[in-house]
Amino acid sequence: MGNLLRAVLFFQGYFVILSWMPVYFKTIFHVNLREAAWFSAIPWVMMAVLGYVAGVVSDALIRNGTSITLTRKIMQTIGFVGPGIALIGLNAAKSPAIASAWLTIAVGLMSFGHSGFLVNFQEIAPQYAGVLHGMANTAGTFAAILGTIGAGFFVDRMGSFRGFLTLTSLLYFSSALFWDIFATGERVDFDGTS
């Protein structure tokens, strides 16, 4: 259940940021769409770099004796709390360069979730990892579709991105708390045969 909820928030945040950030830069900072594309593209490079770093750190923690459960909770907490804080910082940004820096931090730290929930499927239920991953991706993509459409309605009704970014931050924080309380790295008996 925790992985399913994590996937929902990951994809919701991921796709909303992916689809709305060029509009954000054009609307808030009045940059043309070509400039907005550059400000919006830099974070994805950081995601690739920090995704690798997260994997190395995760493996090192496990090799040095940290339990799998604690390792996954650490990685996922960074992947939730980091973007939540960065989106609050994005609300306060006064220039496109500062906004791009906050966005880069948010998207980069989001990649730590790959060493949190994404690998967790293989640990908790290796025989069902594909099915569980498919269910989580389906739920997450559905949330991403609703979130992307909902962001437009939310911004239109509120007249700014501020409330939407704050709401997304709160979802990240509450999801981190949920994950840290309920997540496990131990095998779960889905068959009742263990």
Protein backbone atom coordinates (compact mmCIF):
# COMPACT_ATOMS: atom_id res chain seq x y z
CA MET A 1 0.00 0.00 0.00
CA GLY A 2 2.82 2.41 0.85
CA ASN A 3 4.53 1.82 -2.49
CA LEU A 4 1.26 2.45 -4.31
CA LEU A 5 0.76 5.77 -2.51
CA ARG A 6 4.39 6.68 -3.09
CA ALA A 7 4.03 6.04 -6.81
CA VAL A 8 0.90 8.19 -6.92
CA LEU A 9 2.68 11.15 -5.36
CA PHE A 10 5.90 10.62 -7.30
CA PHE A 11 4.16 10.59 -10.65
CA GLN A 12 1.78 13.39 -9.69
CA GLY A 13 4.65 15.66 -8.66
CA TYR A 14 6.89 14.50 -11.50
CA PHE A 15 4.41 15.07 -14.32
CA VAL A 16 2.99 18.28 -12.90
CA ILE A 17 6.48 19.76 -12.67
CA LEU A 18 7.36 18.41 -16.10
CA SER A 19 4.29 19.85 -17.79
CA TRP A 20 3.70 23.08 -15.87
CA MET A 21 7.15 24.54 -15.26
CA PRO A 22 7.56 26.21 -18.67
CA VAL A 23 4.17 27.86 -18.10
CA TYR A 24 5.24 28.79 -14.56
CA PHE A 25 8.38 30.57 -15.82
CA LYS A 26 6.44 32.33 -18.58
CA THR A 27 3.61 33.39 -16.24
CA ILE A 28 5.58 34.37 -13.13
CA PHE A 29 8.81 35.70 -14.62
CA HIS A 30 7.56 36.69 -18.09
CA VAL A 31 10.32 34.84 -19.91
CA ASN A 32 9.67 33.68 -23.44
CA LEU A 33 8.97 29.99 -23.96
CA ARG A 34 12.46 29.30 -25.33
CA GLU A 35 14.04 30.66 -22.13
CA ALA A 36 11.40 28.90 -20.06
CA ALA A 37 12.35 25.62 -21.70
CA TRP A 38 15.99 26.08 -20.63
CA PHE A 39 15.04 27.00 -17.07
CA SER A 40 12.78 23.94 -16.98
CA ALA A 41 15.29 21.52 -18.56
CA ILE A 42 18.21 21.99 -16.17
CA PRO A 43 16.49 20.16 -13.26
CA TRP A 44 16.17 16.96 -15.27
CA VAL A 45 19.94 16.82 -15.78
CA MET A 46 20.32 17.10 -12.01
CA MET A 47 17.82 14.27 -11.56
CA ALA A 48 20.01 11.99 -13.68
CA VAL A 49 23.14 12.89 -11.71
CA LEU A 50 21.55 12.64 -8.25
CA GLY A 51 19.77 9.42 -9.18
CA TYR A 52 23.19 7.84 -9.64
CA VAL A 53 24.44 9.37 -6.37
CA ALA A 54 21.37 8.06 -4.53
CA GLY A 55 22.02 4.55 -5.80
CA VAL A 56 25.65 4.66 -4.67
CA VAL A 57 24.70 6.04 -1.24
CA SER A 58 21.93 3.46 -0.83
CA ASP A 59 24.25 0.58 -1.69
CA ALA A 60 26.94 1.93 0.64
CA LEU A 61 24.48 2.18 3.53
CA ILE A 62 23.39 -1.43 3.08
CA ARG A 63 26.98 -2.69 2.68
CA ASN A 64 27.94 -0.87 5.89
CA GLY A 65 25.23 -2.59 7.92
CA THR A 66 22.24 -0.26 7.71
CA SER A 67 19.07 -2.32 7.43
CA ILE A 68 17.27 -2.38 4.11
CA THR A 69 14.16 -0.90 5.73
CA LEU A 70 16.06 2.04 7.23
CA THR A 71 17.97 2.60 3.99
CA ARG A 72 14.75 2.75 1.97
CA LYS A 73 13.21 5.10 4.54
CA ILE A 74 16.23 7.42 4.41
CA MET A 75 16.27 7.51 0.62
CA GLN A 76 12.52 8.02 0.36
CA THR A 77 12.49 10.72 3.04
CA ILE A 78 15.11 12.65 1.08
CA GLY A 79 13.01 12.05 -2.04
CA PHE A 80 9.92 13.54 -0.37
CA VAL A 81 11.07 16.14 2.15
CA GLY A 82 13.72 17.62 -0.15
CA PRO A 83 11.28 18.47 -2.95
CA GLY A 84 8.69 19.66 -0.41
CA ILE A 85 11.14 22.19 1.04
CA ALA A 86 12.39 23.19 -2.41
CA LEU A 87 8.85 23.88 -3.66
CA ILE A 88 8.31 26.19 -0.69
CA GLY A 89 11.55 27.92 -1.69
CA LEU A 90 10.27 28.13 -5.25
CA ASN A 91 7.29 30.10 -3.94
CA ALA A 92 9.67 32.73 -2.59
CA ALA A 93 11.90 32.98 -5.68
CA LYS A 94 12.30 36.52 -7.03
CA SER A 95 14.11 35.75 -10.29
CA PRO A 96 14.01 32.99 -12.90
CA ALA A 97 17.57 31.92 -11.99
CA ILE A 98 16.66 31.46 -8.31
CA ALA A 99 13.43 29.69 -9.28
CA SER A 100 15.39 27.38 -11.55
CA ALA A 101 17.80 26.64 -8.69
CA TRP A 102 14.92 25.69 -6.36
CA LEU A 103 13.32 23.62 -9.10
CA THR A 104 16.64 21.90 -9.76
CA ILE A 105 16.91 21.01 -6.08
CA ALA A 106 13.32 19.71 -6.03
CA VAL A 107 13.66 17.49 -9.09
CA GLY A 108 17.16 16.36 -8.21
CA LEU A 109 16.20 15.26 -4.71
CA MET A 110 13.06 13.60 -6.06
CA SER A 111 15.41 11.07 -7.70
CA PHE A 112 16.31 9.66 -4.27
CA GLY A 113 12.91 7.97 -4.39
CA HIS A 114 14.31 5.63 -7.02
CA SER A 115 16.47 4.15 -4.24
CA GLY A 116 13.48 4.22 -1.91
CA PHE A 117 10.23 2.90 -3.25
CA LEU A 118 11.19 1.74 -6.75
CA VAL A 119 13.60 -0.98 -5.61
CA ASN A 120 11.38 -1.81 -2.65
CA PHE A 121 9.05 -3.92 -4.81
CA GLN A 122 11.80 -6.49 -5.40
CA GLU A 123 12.55 -6.65 -1.68
CA ILE A 124 9.06 -7.01 -0.27
CA ALA A 125 7.65 -9.37 -2.91
CA PRO A 126 10.14 -10.55 -5.53
CA GLN A 127 7.66 -12.99 -7.04
CA TYR A 128 5.10 -10.20 -7.54
CA ALA A 129 7.45 -7.27 -8.21
CA GLY A 130 6.32 -6.83 -11.81
CA VAL A 131 2.62 -6.88 -10.94
CA LEU A 132 3.09 -4.51 -8.00
CA HIS A 133 5.22 -2.16 -10.06
CA GLY A 134 2.61 -2.20 -12.82
CA MET A 135 -0.19 -1.43 -10.36
CA ALA A 136 1.81 1.40 -8.81
CA ASN A 137 2.68 2.87 -12.21
CA THR A 138 -0.95 2.68 -13.30
CA ALA A 139 -2.18 4.43 -10.16
CA GLY A 140 0.66 6.94 -10.38
CA THR A 141 0.01 7.74 -14.02
CA PHE A 142 -3.71 8.17 -13.32
CA ALA A 143 -2.82 10.58 -10.50
CA ALA A 144 -0.42 12.38 -12.82
CA ILE A 145 -3.16 12.90 -15.40
CA LEU A 146 -5.56 14.23 -12.77
CA GLY A 147 -2.81 16.30 -11.13
CA THR A 148 -1.74 17.90 -14.39
CA ILE A 149 -5.32 18.82 -15.28
CA GLY A 150 -6.06 19.79 -11.68
CA ALA A 151 -3.03 22.08 -11.55
CA GLY A 152 -4.51 24.13 -14.36
CA PHE A 153 -7.85 24.46 -12.62
CA PHE A 154 -6.17 25.19 -9.28
CA VAL A 155 -3.91 27.89 -10.72
CA ASP A 156 -6.79 29.39 -12.69
CA ARG A 157 -9.03 29.54 -9.60
CA MET A 158 -6.32 30.78 -7.22
CA GLY A 159 -4.78 33.16 -9.73
CA SER A 160 -1.23 31.99 -8.94
CA PHE A 161 1.03 29.00 -8.58
CA ARG A 162 1.71 29.74 -4.90
CA GLY A 163 -1.19 27.73 -3.44
CA PHE A 164 -0.60 24.81 -5.76
CA LEU A 165 3.10 24.62 -4.87
CA THR A 166 2.24 24.81 -1.17
CA LEU A 167 -0.35 22.04 -1.51
CA THR A 168 2.15 19.86 -3.37
CA SER A 169 4.71 20.48 -0.59
CA LEU A 170 2.21 19.41 2.05
CA LEU A 171 1.48 16.24 0.10
CA TYR A 172 5.20 15.48 -0.02
CA PHE A 173 5.58 16.01 3.74
CA SER A 174 2.56 13.90 4.66
CA SER A 175 3.70 11.14 2.30
CA ALA A 176 7.16 11.12 3.92
CA LEU A 177 5.52 10.65 7.30
CA PHE A 178 3.29 7.86 5.99
CA TRP A 179 6.26 6.12 4.32
CA ASP A 180 8.43 6.38 7.43
CA ILE A 181 5.71 4.88 9.62
CA PHE A 182 4.57 2.01 7.39
CA ALA A 183 7.35 1.09 4.93
CA THR A 184 9.39 -2.07 5.25
CA GLY A 185 12.28 -3.61 3.39
CA GLU A 186 11.44 -7.09 4.64
CA ARG A 187 9.71 -9.68 2.53
CA VAL A 188 5.93 -9.60 2.85
CA ASP A 189 3.99 -12.86 2.71
CA PHE A 190 1.31 -12.32 0.07
CA ASP A 191 0.57 -16.03 -0.33
CA GLY A 192 0.10 -16.93 3.34
CA THR A 193 2.60 -19.76 2.91
CA SER A 194 5.59 -18.52 4.88
